[in-house]
Amino acid sequence: MATQVIQTPATKSDTQKKHHPGYRVLLHNDDYNTMEYVVQVLMEVVGLSEPQAVSVMMEAHTNGIALVTVCALEHAEFYCEGLRRKGLTSTIEPAE
């Protein structure tokens, strides 16, 4: 009895994850928190270095909004909520 081999076109395996562009965590400027406090919160909640935190804070201060980080939705929600708990105004949006 002969064995027949059927070849099918190669497809992505089910174990490969689709590429997700991530989510932007945004920081909005406010007139209530000091610059030093905002820098400290960014370092504490998001884990930015001091120079990174200063840069994000200055961008928000100057332009009204700043990109904090781009990450997976769960992380973005965690960071956004952490920033809000500390009194900062933060939102998330798809990075696309």
PDB file of N, CA and C in Angstrom:
ATOM      1  N   MET A   1       0.848  -1.173   0.000  1.00  0.00           N
ATOM      2  CA  MET A   1       0.000   0.000   0.000  1.00  0.00           C
ATOM      3  C   MET A   1       0.898   1.242   0.000  1.00  0.00           C
ATOM      4  N   ALA A   2       0.650   2.155  -0.906  1.00  0.00           N
ATOM      5  CA  ALA A   2       1.465   3.361  -1.054  1.00  0.00           C
ATOM      6  C   ALA A   2       0.976   4.449  -0.106  1.00  0.00           C
ATOM      7  N   THR A   3       1.925   5.249   0.372  1.00  0.00           N
ATOM      8  CA  THR A   3       1.591   6.366   1.245  1.00  0.00           C
ATOM      9  C   THR A   3       1.591   7.635   0.409  1.00  0.00           C
ATOM     10  N   GLN A   4       0.526   8.403   0.531  1.00  0.00           N
ATOM     11  CA  GLN A   4       0.422   9.640  -0.231  1.00  0.00           C
ATOM     12  C   GLN A   4       0.686  10.826   0.693  1.00  0.00           C
ATOM     13  N   VAL A   5       1.537  11.738   0.249  1.00  0.00           N
ATOM     14  CA  VAL A   5       1.844  12.934   1.018  1.00  0.00           C
ATOM     15  C   VAL A   5       1.104  14.102   0.387  1.00  0.00           C
ATOM     16  N   ILE A   6       0.316  14.781   1.198  1.00  0.00           N
ATOM     17  CA  ILE A   6      -0.420  15.945   0.716  1.00  0.00           C
ATOM     18  C   ILE A   6       0.264  17.181   1.260  1.00  0.00           C
ATOM     19  N   GLN A   7       0.671  18.048   0.366  1.00  0.00           N
ATOM     20  CA  GLN A   7       1.330  19.276   0.790  1.00  0.00           C
ATOM     21  C   GLN A   7       0.312  20.413   0.789  1.00  0.00           C
ATOM     22  N   THR A   8       0.354  21.196   1.849  1.00  0.00           N
ATOM     23  CA  THR A   8      -0.525  22.361   1.945  1.00  0.00           C
ATOM     24  C   THR A   8       0.340  23.611   2.013  1.00  0.00           C
ATOM     25  N   PRO A   9      -0.196  24.731   1.568  1.00  0.00           N
ATOM     26  CA  PRO A   9       0.597  25.962   1.639  1.00  0.00           C
ATOM     27  C   PRO A   9       0.971  26.290   3.079  1.00  0.00           C
ATOM     28  N   ALA A  10       2.128  26.864   3.231  1.00  0.00           N
ATOM     29  CA  ALA A  10       2.583  27.243   4.571  1.00  0.00           C
ATOM     30  C   ALA A  10       1.717  28.380   5.111  1.00  0.00           C
ATOM     31  N   THR A  11       1.321  28.252   6.359  1.00  0.00           N
ATOM     32  CA  THR A  11       0.536  29.299   7.016  1.00  0.00           C
ATOM     33  C   THR A  11       1.181  29.598   8.354  1.00  0.00           C
ATOM     34  N   LYS A  12       0.827  30.724   8.893  1.00  0.00           N
ATOM     35  CA  LYS A  12       1.326  31.059  10.227  1.00  0.00           C
ATOM     36  C   LYS A  12       0.745  30.068  11.221  1.00  0.00           C
ATOM     37  N   SER A  13       1.571  29.629  12.120  1.00  0.00           N
ATOM     38  CA  SER A  13       1.075  28.690  13.116  1.00  0.00           C
ATOM     39  C   SER A  13       0.169  29.410  14.104  1.00  0.00           C
ATOM     40  N   ASP A  14      -0.700  28.652  14.709  1.00  0.00           N
ATOM     41  CA  ASP A  14      -1.623  29.223  15.685  1.00  0.00           C
ATOM     42  C   ASP A  14      -0.891  29.738  16.916  1.00  0.00           C
ATOM     43  N   THR A  15       0.330  29.270  17.116  1.00  0.00           N
ATOM     44  CA  THR A  15       1.063  29.708  18.301  1.00  0.00           C
ATOM     45  C   THR A  15       1.710  31.073  18.107  1.00  0.00           C
ATOM     46  N   GLN A  16       1.821  31.508  16.858  1.00  0.00           N
ATOM     47  CA  GLN A  16       2.391  32.833  16.623  1.00  0.00           C
ATOM     48  C   GLN A  16       1.333  33.882  16.916  1.00  0.00           C
ATOM     49  N   LYS A  17       1.725  34.906  17.617  1.00  0.00           N
ATOM     50  CA  LYS A  17       0.791  35.965  17.964  1.00  0.00           C
ATOM     51  C   LYS A  17       0.778  37.015  16.867  1.00  0.00           C
ATOM     52  N   LYS A  18      -0.391  37.595  16.668  1.00  0.00           N
ATOM     53  CA  LYS A  18      -0.492  38.691  15.725  1.00  0.00           C
ATOM     54  C   LYS A  18       0.228  39.896  16.309  1.00  0.00           C
ATOM     55  N   HIS A  19       0.780  40.712  15.426  1.00  0.00           N
ATOM     56  CA  HIS A  19       1.484  41.920  15.876  1.00  0.00           C
ATOM     57  C   HIS A  19       0.460  42.958  16.321  1.00  0.00           C
ATOM     58  N   HIS A  20       0.581  43.402  17.544  1.00  0.00           N
ATOM     59  CA  HIS A  20      -0.268  44.463  18.065  1.00  0.00           C
ATOM     60  C   HIS A  20       0.595  45.703  18.226  1.00  0.00           C
ATOM     61  N   PRO A  21       0.133  46.823  17.676  1.00  0.00           N
ATOM     62  CA  PRO A  21       0.962  48.022  17.729  1.00  0.00           C
ATOM     63  C   PRO A  21       1.129  48.604  19.121  1.00  0.00           C
ATOM     64  N   GLY A  22       0.294  48.230  20.058  1.00  0.00           N
ATOM     65  CA  GLY A  22       0.420  48.730  21.415  1.00  0.00           C
ATOM     66  C   GLY A  22      -0.460  49.936  21.671  1.00  0.00           C
ATOM     67  N   TYR A  23      -0.280  50.504  22.836  1.00  0.00           N
ATOM     68  CA  TYR A  23      -1.085  51.648  23.269  1.00  0.00           C
ATOM     69  C   TYR A  23      -0.172  52.734  23.803  1.00  0.00           C
ATOM     70  N   ARG A  24      -0.533  53.962  23.489  1.00  0.00           N
ATOM     71  CA  ARG A  24       0.215  55.120  23.977  1.00  0.00           C
ATOM     72  C   ARG A  24      -0.318  55.528  25.335  1.00  0.00           C
ATOM     73  N   VAL A  25       0.578  55.746  26.274  1.00  0.00           N
ATOM     74  CA  VAL A  25       0.218  56.335  27.564  1.00  0.00           C
ATOM     75  C   VAL A  25       0.581  57.807  27.452  1.00  0.00           C
ATOM     76  N   LEU A  26      -0.409  58.672  27.644  1.00  0.00           N
ATOM     77  CA  LEU A  26      -0.214  60.111  27.485  1.00  0.00           C
ATOM     78  C   LEU A  26      -0.341  60.824  28.819  1.00  0.00           C
ATOM     79  N   LEU A  27       0.481  61.830  28.999  1.00  0.00           N
ATOM     80  CA  LEU A  27       0.436  62.684  30.183  1.00  0.00           C
ATOM     81  C   LEU A  27      -0.037  64.058  29.747  1.00  0.00           C
ATOM     82  N   HIS A  28      -1.045  64.587  30.434  1.00  0.00           N
ATOM     83  CA  HIS A  28      -1.590  65.908  30.127  1.00  0.00           C
ATOM     84  C   HIS A  28      -1.082  66.913  31.156  1.00  0.00           C
ATOM     85  N   ASN A  29      -0.826  68.117  30.688  1.00  0.00           N
ATOM     86  CA  ASN A  29      -0.363  69.175  31.576  1.00  0.00           C
ATOM     87  C   ASN A  29      -1.478  69.573  32.538  1.00  0.00           C
ATOM     88  N   ASP A  30      -1.102  69.996  33.723  1.00  0.00           N
ATOM     89  CA  ASP A  30      -2.065  70.564  34.671  1.00  0.00           C
ATOM     90  C   ASP A  30      -1.405  71.733  35.391  1.00  0.00           C
ATOM     91  N   ASP A  31      -2.215  72.536  36.030  1.00  0.00           N
ATOM     92  CA  ASP A  31      -1.707  73.714  36.743  1.00  0.00           C
ATOM     93  C   ASP A  31      -1.597  73.479  38.242  1.00  0.00           C
ATOM     94  N   TYR A  32      -1.685  72.232  38.679  1.00  0.00           N
ATOM     95  CA  TYR A  32      -1.755  71.937  40.111  1.00  0.00           C
ATOM     96  C   TYR A  32      -0.487  71.305  40.664  1.00  0.00           C
ATOM     97  N   ASN A  33       0.069  70.346  39.928  1.00  0.00           N
ATOM     98  CA  ASN A  33       1.230  69.606  40.426  1.00  0.00           C
ATOM     99  C   ASN A  33       2.529  70.309  40.046  1.00  0.00           C
ATOM    100  N   THR A  34       3.492  70.262  40.951  1.00  0.00           N
ATOM    101  CA  THR A  34       4.796  70.859  40.650  1.00  0.00           C
ATOM    102  C   THR A  34       5.535  69.990  39.638  1.00  0.00           C
ATOM    103  N   MET A  35       6.466  70.599  38.941  1.00  0.00           N
ATOM    104  CA  MET A  35       7.276  69.863  37.972  1.00  0.00           C
ATOM    105  C   MET A  35       8.053  68.749  38.655  1.00  0.00           C
ATOM    106  N   GLU A  36       8.574  69.043  39.828  1.00  0.00           N
ATOM    107  CA  GLU A  36       9.352  68.048  40.573  1.00  0.00           C
ATOM    108  C   GLU A  36       8.486  66.845  40.937  1.00  0.00           C
ATOM    109  N   TYR A  37       7.248  67.112  41.350  1.00  0.00           N
ATOM    110  CA  TYR A  37       6.338  66.028  41.719  1.00  0.00           C
ATOM    111  C   TYR A  37       6.024  65.154  40.506  1.00  0.00           C
ATOM    112  N   VAL A  38       5.757  65.774  39.367  1.00  0.00           N
ATOM    113  CA  VAL A  38       5.446  65.021  38.147  1.00  0.00           C
ATOM    114  C   VAL A  38       6.620  64.120  37.772  1.00  0.00           C
ATOM    115  N   VAL A  39       7.831  64.642  37.840  1.00  0.00           N
ATOM    116  CA  VAL A  39       9.027  63.847  37.537  1.00  0.00           C
ATOM    117  C   VAL A  39       9.118  62.657  38.489  1.00  0.00           C
ATOM    118  N   GLN A  40       8.913  62.897  39.770  1.00  0.00           N
ATOM    119  CA  GLN A  40       8.987  61.827  40.765  1.00  0.00           C
ATOM    120  C   GLN A  40       7.951  60.740  40.495  1.00  0.00           C
ATOM    121  N   VAL A  41       6.730  61.140  40.165  1.00  0.00           N
ATOM    122  CA  VAL A  41       5.658  60.169  39.897  1.00  0.00           C
ATOM    123  C   VAL A  41       5.977  59.355  38.647  1.00  0.00           C
ATOM    124  N   LEU A  42       6.464  59.986  37.599  1.00  0.00           N
ATOM    125  CA  LEU A  42       6.822  59.257  36.378  1.00  0.00           C
ATOM    126  C   LEU A  42       7.910  58.222  36.652  1.00  0.00           C
ATOM    127  N   MET A  43       8.869  58.574  37.481  1.00  0.00           N
ATOM    128  CA  MET A  43       9.931  57.631  37.836  1.00  0.00           C
ATOM    129  C   MET A  43       9.372  56.477  38.664  1.00  0.00           C
ATOM    130  N   GLU A  44       8.500  56.795  39.609  1.00  0.00           N
ATOM    131  CA  GLU A  44       7.953  55.793  40.522  1.00  0.00           C
ATOM    132  C   GLU A  44       6.959  54.857  39.837  1.00  0.00           C
ATOM    133  N   VAL A  45       6.029  55.410  39.077  1.00  0.00           N
ATOM    134  CA  VAL A  45       4.937  54.609  38.505  1.00  0.00           C
ATOM    135  C   VAL A  45       5.353  53.896  37.223  1.00  0.00           C
ATOM    136  N   VAL A  46       6.023  54.605  36.333  1.00  0.00           N
ATOM    137  CA  VAL A  46       6.350  54.048  35.019  1.00  0.00           C
ATOM    138  C   VAL A  46       7.765  53.485  34.972  1.00  0.00           C
ATOM    139  N   GLY A  47       8.618  53.922  35.895  1.00  0.00           N
ATOM    140  CA  GLY A  47       9.989  53.427  35.912  1.00  0.00           C
ATOM    141  C   GLY A  47      10.911  54.168  34.961  1.00  0.00           C
ATOM    142  N   LEU A  48      10.550  55.400  34.622  1.00  0.00           N
ATOM    143  CA  LEU A  48      11.426  56.199  33.769  1.00  0.00           C
ATOM    144  C   LEU A  48      12.655  56.635  34.555  1.00  0.00           C
ATOM    145  N   SER A  49      13.749  56.834  33.838  1.00  0.00           N
ATOM    146  CA  SER A  49      14.928  57.425  34.471  1.00  0.00           C
ATOM    147  C   SER A  49      14.625  58.899  34.712  1.00  0.00           C
ATOM    148  N   GLU A  50      15.435  59.549  35.538  1.00  0.00           N
ATOM    149  CA  GLU A  50      15.194  60.969  35.809  1.00  0.00           C
ATOM    150  C   GLU A  50      15.255  61.819  34.535  1.00  0.00           C
ATOM    151  N   PRO A  51      16.262  61.631  33.665  1.00  0.00           N
ATOM    152  CA  PRO A  51      16.277  62.431  32.431  1.00  0.00           C
ATOM    153  C   PRO A  51      15.049  62.178  31.542  1.00  0.00           C
ATOM    154  N   GLN A  52      14.609  60.923  31.463  1.00  0.00           N
ATOM    155  CA  GLN A  52      13.413  60.616  30.678  1.00  0.00           C
ATOM    156  C   GLN A  52      12.185  61.292  31.282  1.00  0.00           C
ATOM    157  N   ALA A  53      12.052  61.211  32.591  1.00  0.00           N
ATOM    158  CA  ALA A  53      10.903  61.800  33.276  1.00  0.00           C
ATOM    159  C   ALA A  53      10.882  63.315  33.115  1.00  0.00           C
ATOM    160  N   VAL A  54      12.043  63.945  33.209  1.00  0.00           N
ATOM    161  CA  VAL A  54      12.130  65.399  33.020  1.00  0.00           C
ATOM    162  C   VAL A  54      11.713  65.762  31.594  1.00  0.00           C
ATOM    163  N   SER A  55      12.166  64.986  30.625  1.00  0.00           N
ATOM    164  CA  SER A  55      11.831  65.244  29.227  1.00  0.00           C
ATOM    165  C   SER A  55      10.324  65.137  28.982  1.00  0.00           C
ATOM    166  N   VAL A  56       9.701  64.089  29.517  1.00  0.00           N
ATOM    167  CA  VAL A  56       8.250  63.906  29.371  1.00  0.00           C
ATOM    168  C   VAL A  56       7.509  65.043  30.062  1.00  0.00           C
ATOM    169  N   MET A  57       7.916  65.386  31.264  1.00  0.00           N
ATOM    170  CA  MET A  57       7.268  66.466  32.010  1.00  0.00           C
ATOM    171  C   MET A  57       7.361  67.784  31.246  1.00  0.00           C
ATOM    172  N   MET A  58       8.536  68.091  30.698  1.00  0.00           N
ATOM    173  CA  MET A  58       8.720  69.346  29.966  1.00  0.00           C
ATOM    174  C   MET A  58       7.890  69.379  28.684  1.00  0.00           C
ATOM    175  N   GLU A  59       7.792  68.242  28.021  1.00  0.00           N
ATOM    176  CA  GLU A  59       6.967  68.182  26.811  1.00  0.00           C
ATOM    177  C   GLU A  59       5.502  68.443  27.153  1.00  0.00           C
ATOM    178  N   ALA A  60       5.014  67.825  28.218  1.00  0.00           N
ATOM    179  CA  ALA A  60       3.627  68.055  28.641  1.00  0.00           C
ATOM    180  C   ALA A  60       3.432  69.510  29.059  1.00  0.00           C
ATOM    181  N   HIS A  61       4.395  70.056  29.770  1.00  0.00           N
ATOM    182  CA  HIS A  61       4.313  71.444  30.234  1.00  0.00           C
ATOM    183  C   HIS A  61       4.286  72.420  29.054  1.00  0.00           C
ATOM    184  N   THR A  62       5.107  72.142  28.052  1.00  0.00           N
ATOM    185  CA  THR A  62       5.236  73.032  26.896  1.00  0.00           C
ATOM    186  C   THR A  62       4.101  72.861  25.890  1.00  0.00           C
ATOM    187  N   ASN A  63       3.752  71.603  25.590  1.00  0.00           N
ATOM    188  CA  ASN A  63       2.793  71.314  24.517  1.00  0.00           C
ATOM    189  C   ASN A  63       1.401  70.942  25.008  1.00  0.00           C
ATOM    190  N   GLY A  64       1.249  70.759  26.312  1.00  0.00           N
ATOM    191  CA  GLY A  64      -0.052  70.385  26.857  1.00  0.00           C
ATOM    192  C   GLY A  64      -0.268  68.893  26.963  1.00  0.00           C
ATOM    193  N   ILE A  65       0.543  68.113  26.265  1.00  0.00           N
ATOM    194  CA  ILE A  65       0.424  66.653  26.296  1.00  0.00           C
ATOM    195  C   ILE A  65       1.774  66.055  25.919  1.00  0.00           C
ATOM    196  N   ALA A  66       2.057  64.861  26.455  1.00  0.00           N
ATOM    197  CA  ALA A  66       3.329  64.199  26.152  1.00  0.00           C
ATOM    198  C   ALA A  66       3.137  62.692  26.113  1.00  0.00           C
ATOM    199  N   LEU A  67       3.904  62.043  25.263  1.00  0.00           N
ATOM    200  CA  LEU A  67       3.932  60.593  25.199  1.00  0.00           C
ATOM    201  C   LEU A  67       4.837  60.077  26.311  1.00  0.00           C
ATOM    202  N   VAL A  68       4.276  59.234  27.172  1.00  0.00           N
ATOM    203  CA  VAL A  68       5.057  58.648  28.263  1.00  0.00           C
ATOM    204  C   VAL A  68       5.728  57.371  27.786  1.00  0.00           C
ATOM    205  N   THR A  69       4.935  56.460  27.190  1.00  0.00           N
ATOM    206  CA  THR A  69       5.459  55.189  26.711  1.00  0.00           C
ATOM    207  C   THR A  69       4.441  54.552  25.778  1.00  0.00           C
ATOM    208  N   VAL A  70       4.884  53.550  25.022  1.00  0.00           N
ATOM    209  CA  VAL A  70       4.005  52.721  24.203  1.00  0.00           C
ATOM    210  C   VAL A  70       4.201  51.293  24.682  1.00  0.00           C
ATOM    211  N   CYS A  71       3.095  50.618  25.003  1.00  0.00           N
ATOM    212  CA  CYS A  71       3.200  49.274  25.569  1.00  0.00           C
ATOM    213  C   CYS A  71       1.897  48.513  25.334  1.00  0.00           C
ATOM    214  N   ALA A  72       1.839  47.289  25.817  1.00  0.00           N
ATOM    215  CA  ALA A  72       0.634  46.470  25.720  1.00  0.00           C
ATOM    216  C   ALA A  72      -0.504  47.116  26.512  1.00  0.00           C
ATOM    217  N   LEU A  73      -1.726  46.799  26.135  1.00  0.00           N
ATOM    218  CA  LEU A  73      -2.900  47.413  26.752  1.00  0.00           C
ATOM    219  C   LEU A  73      -2.903  47.260  28.266  1.00  0.00           C
ATOM    220  N   GLU A  74      -2.596  46.072  28.765  1.00  0.00           N
ATOM    221  CA  GLU A  74      -2.635  45.840  30.209  1.00  0.00           C
ATOM    222  C   GLU A  74      -1.644  46.738  30.945  1.00  0.00           C
ATOM    223  N   HIS A  75      -0.456  46.881  30.381  1.00  0.00           N
ATOM    224  CA  HIS A  75       0.547  47.760  30.990  1.00  0.00           C
ATOM    225  C   HIS A  75       0.109  49.217  30.889  1.00  0.00           C
ATOM    226  N   ALA A  76      -0.443  49.594  29.746  1.00  0.00           N
ATOM    227  CA  ALA A  76      -0.895  50.978  29.555  1.00  0.00           C
ATOM    228  C   ALA A  76      -1.972  51.338  30.570  1.00  0.00           C
ATOM    229  N   GLU A  77      -2.906  50.432  30.783  1.00  0.00           N
ATOM    230  CA  GLU A  77      -3.963  50.678  31.770  1.00  0.00           C
ATOM    231  C   GLU A  77      -3.381  50.792  33.174  1.00  0.00           C
ATOM    232  N   PHE A  78      -2.419  49.940  33.477  1.00  0.00           N
ATOM    233  CA  PHE A  78      -1.774  49.965  34.788  1.00  0.00           C
ATOM    234  C   PHE A  78      -1.055  51.294  35.017  1.00  0.00           C
ATOM    235  N   TYR A  79      -0.260  51.728  34.033  1.00  0.00           N
ATOM    236  CA  TYR A  79       0.471  52.994  34.159  1.00  0.00           C
ATOM    237  C   TYR A  79      -0.481  54.179  34.254  1.00  0.00           C
ATOM    238  N   CYS A  80      -1.489  54.197  33.395  1.00  0.00           N
ATOM    239  CA  CYS A  80      -2.446  55.306  33.382  1.00  0.00           C
ATOM    240  C   CYS A  80      -3.153  55.418  34.728  1.00  0.00           C
ATOM    241  N   GLU A  81      -3.607  54.305  35.246  1.00  0.00           N
ATOM    242  CA  GLU A  81      -4.293  54.312  36.545  1.00  0.00           C
ATOM    243  C   GLU A  81      -3.340  54.729  37.662  1.00  0.00           C
ATOM    244  N   GLY A  82      -2.105  54.261  37.601  1.00  0.00           N
ATOM    245  CA  GLY A  82      -1.116  54.647  38.607  1.00  0.00           C
ATOM    246  C   GLY A  82      -0.841  56.140  38.599  1.00  0.00           C
ATOM    247  N   LEU A  83      -0.734  56.717  37.415  1.00  0.00           N
ATOM    248  CA  LEU A  83      -0.517  58.162  37.302  1.00  0.00           C
ATOM    249  C   LEU A  83      -1.722  58.929  37.838  1.00  0.00           C
ATOM    250  N   ARG A  84      -2.905  58.446  37.518  1.00  0.00           N
ATOM    251  CA  ARG A  84      -4.131  59.102  37.997  1.00  0.00           C
ATOM    252  C   ARG A  84      -4.243  59.034  39.514  1.00  0.00           C
ATOM    253  N   ARG A  85      -3.883  57.884  40.086  1.00  0.00           N
ATOM    254  CA  ARG A  85      -3.943  57.741  41.548  1.00  0.00           C
ATOM    255  C   ARG A  85      -3.037  58.741  42.251  1.00  0.00           C
ATOM    256  N   LYS A  86      -1.985  59.153  41.560  1.00  0.00           N
ATOM    257  CA  LYS A  86      -1.046  60.125  42.131  1.00  0.00           C
ATOM    258  C   LYS A  86      -1.448  61.562  41.796  1.00  0.00           C
ATOM    259  N   GLY A  87      -2.608  61.738  41.175  1.00  0.00           N
ATOM    260  CA  GLY A  87      -3.118  63.078  40.908  1.00  0.00           C
ATOM    261  C   GLY A  87      -2.760  63.669  39.558  1.00  0.00           C
ATOM    262  N   LEU A  88      -2.156  62.871  38.670  1.00  0.00           N
ATOM    263  CA  LEU A  88      -1.825  63.365  37.341  1.00  0.00           C
ATOM    264  C   LEU A  88      -2.952  63.026  36.372  1.00  0.00           C
ATOM    265  N   THR A  89      -3.019  63.762  35.275  1.00  0.00           N
ATOM    266  CA  THR A  89      -4.020  63.497  34.244  1.00  0.00           C
ATOM    267  C   THR A  89      -3.358  62.682  33.142  1.00  0.00           C
ATOM    268  N   SER A  90      -3.889  61.480  32.911  1.00  0.00           N
ATOM    269  CA  SER A  90      -3.301  60.570  31.939  1.00  0.00           C
ATOM    270  C   SER A  90      -4.404  59.868  31.163  1.00  0.00           C
ATOM    271  N   THR A  91      -4.130  59.601  29.890  1.00  0.00           N
ATOM    272  CA  THR A  91      -5.049  58.846  29.048  1.00  0.00           C
ATOM    273  C   THR A  91      -4.246  57.834  28.250  1.00  0.00           C
ATOM    274  N   ILE A  92      -4.961  56.884  27.636  1.00  0.00           N
ATOM    275  CA  ILE A  92      -4.321  55.941  26.724  1.00  0.00           C
ATOM    276  C   ILE A  92      -5.066  55.974  25.400  1.00  0.00           C
ATOM    277  N   GLU A  93      -4.345  55.612  24.331  1.00  0.00           N
ATOM    278  CA  GLU A  93      -4.946  55.523  23.004  1.00  0.00           C
ATOM    279  C   GLU A  93      -4.178  54.484  22.202  1.00  0.00           C
ATOM    280  N   PRO A  94      -4.833  53.859  21.213  1.00  0.00           N
ATOM    281  CA  PRO A  94      -4.121  52.886  20.379  1.00  0.00           C
ATOM    282  C   PRO A  94      -2.969  53.553  19.633  1.00  0.00           C
ATOM    283  N   ALA A  95      -1.860  52.853  19.523  1.00  0.00           N
ATOM    284  CA  ALA A  95      -0.687  53.409  18.841  1.00  0.00           C
ATOM    285  C   ALA A  95      -0.824  53.329  17.325  1.00  0.00           C
ATOM    286  N   GLU A  96      -1.507  52.324  16.838  1.00  0.00           N
ATOM    287  CA  GLU A  96      -1.702  52.069  15.409  1.00  0.00           C
ATOM    288  C   GLU A  96      -0.450  52.343  14.683  1.00  0.00           C
TER     289      GLU A  96
END
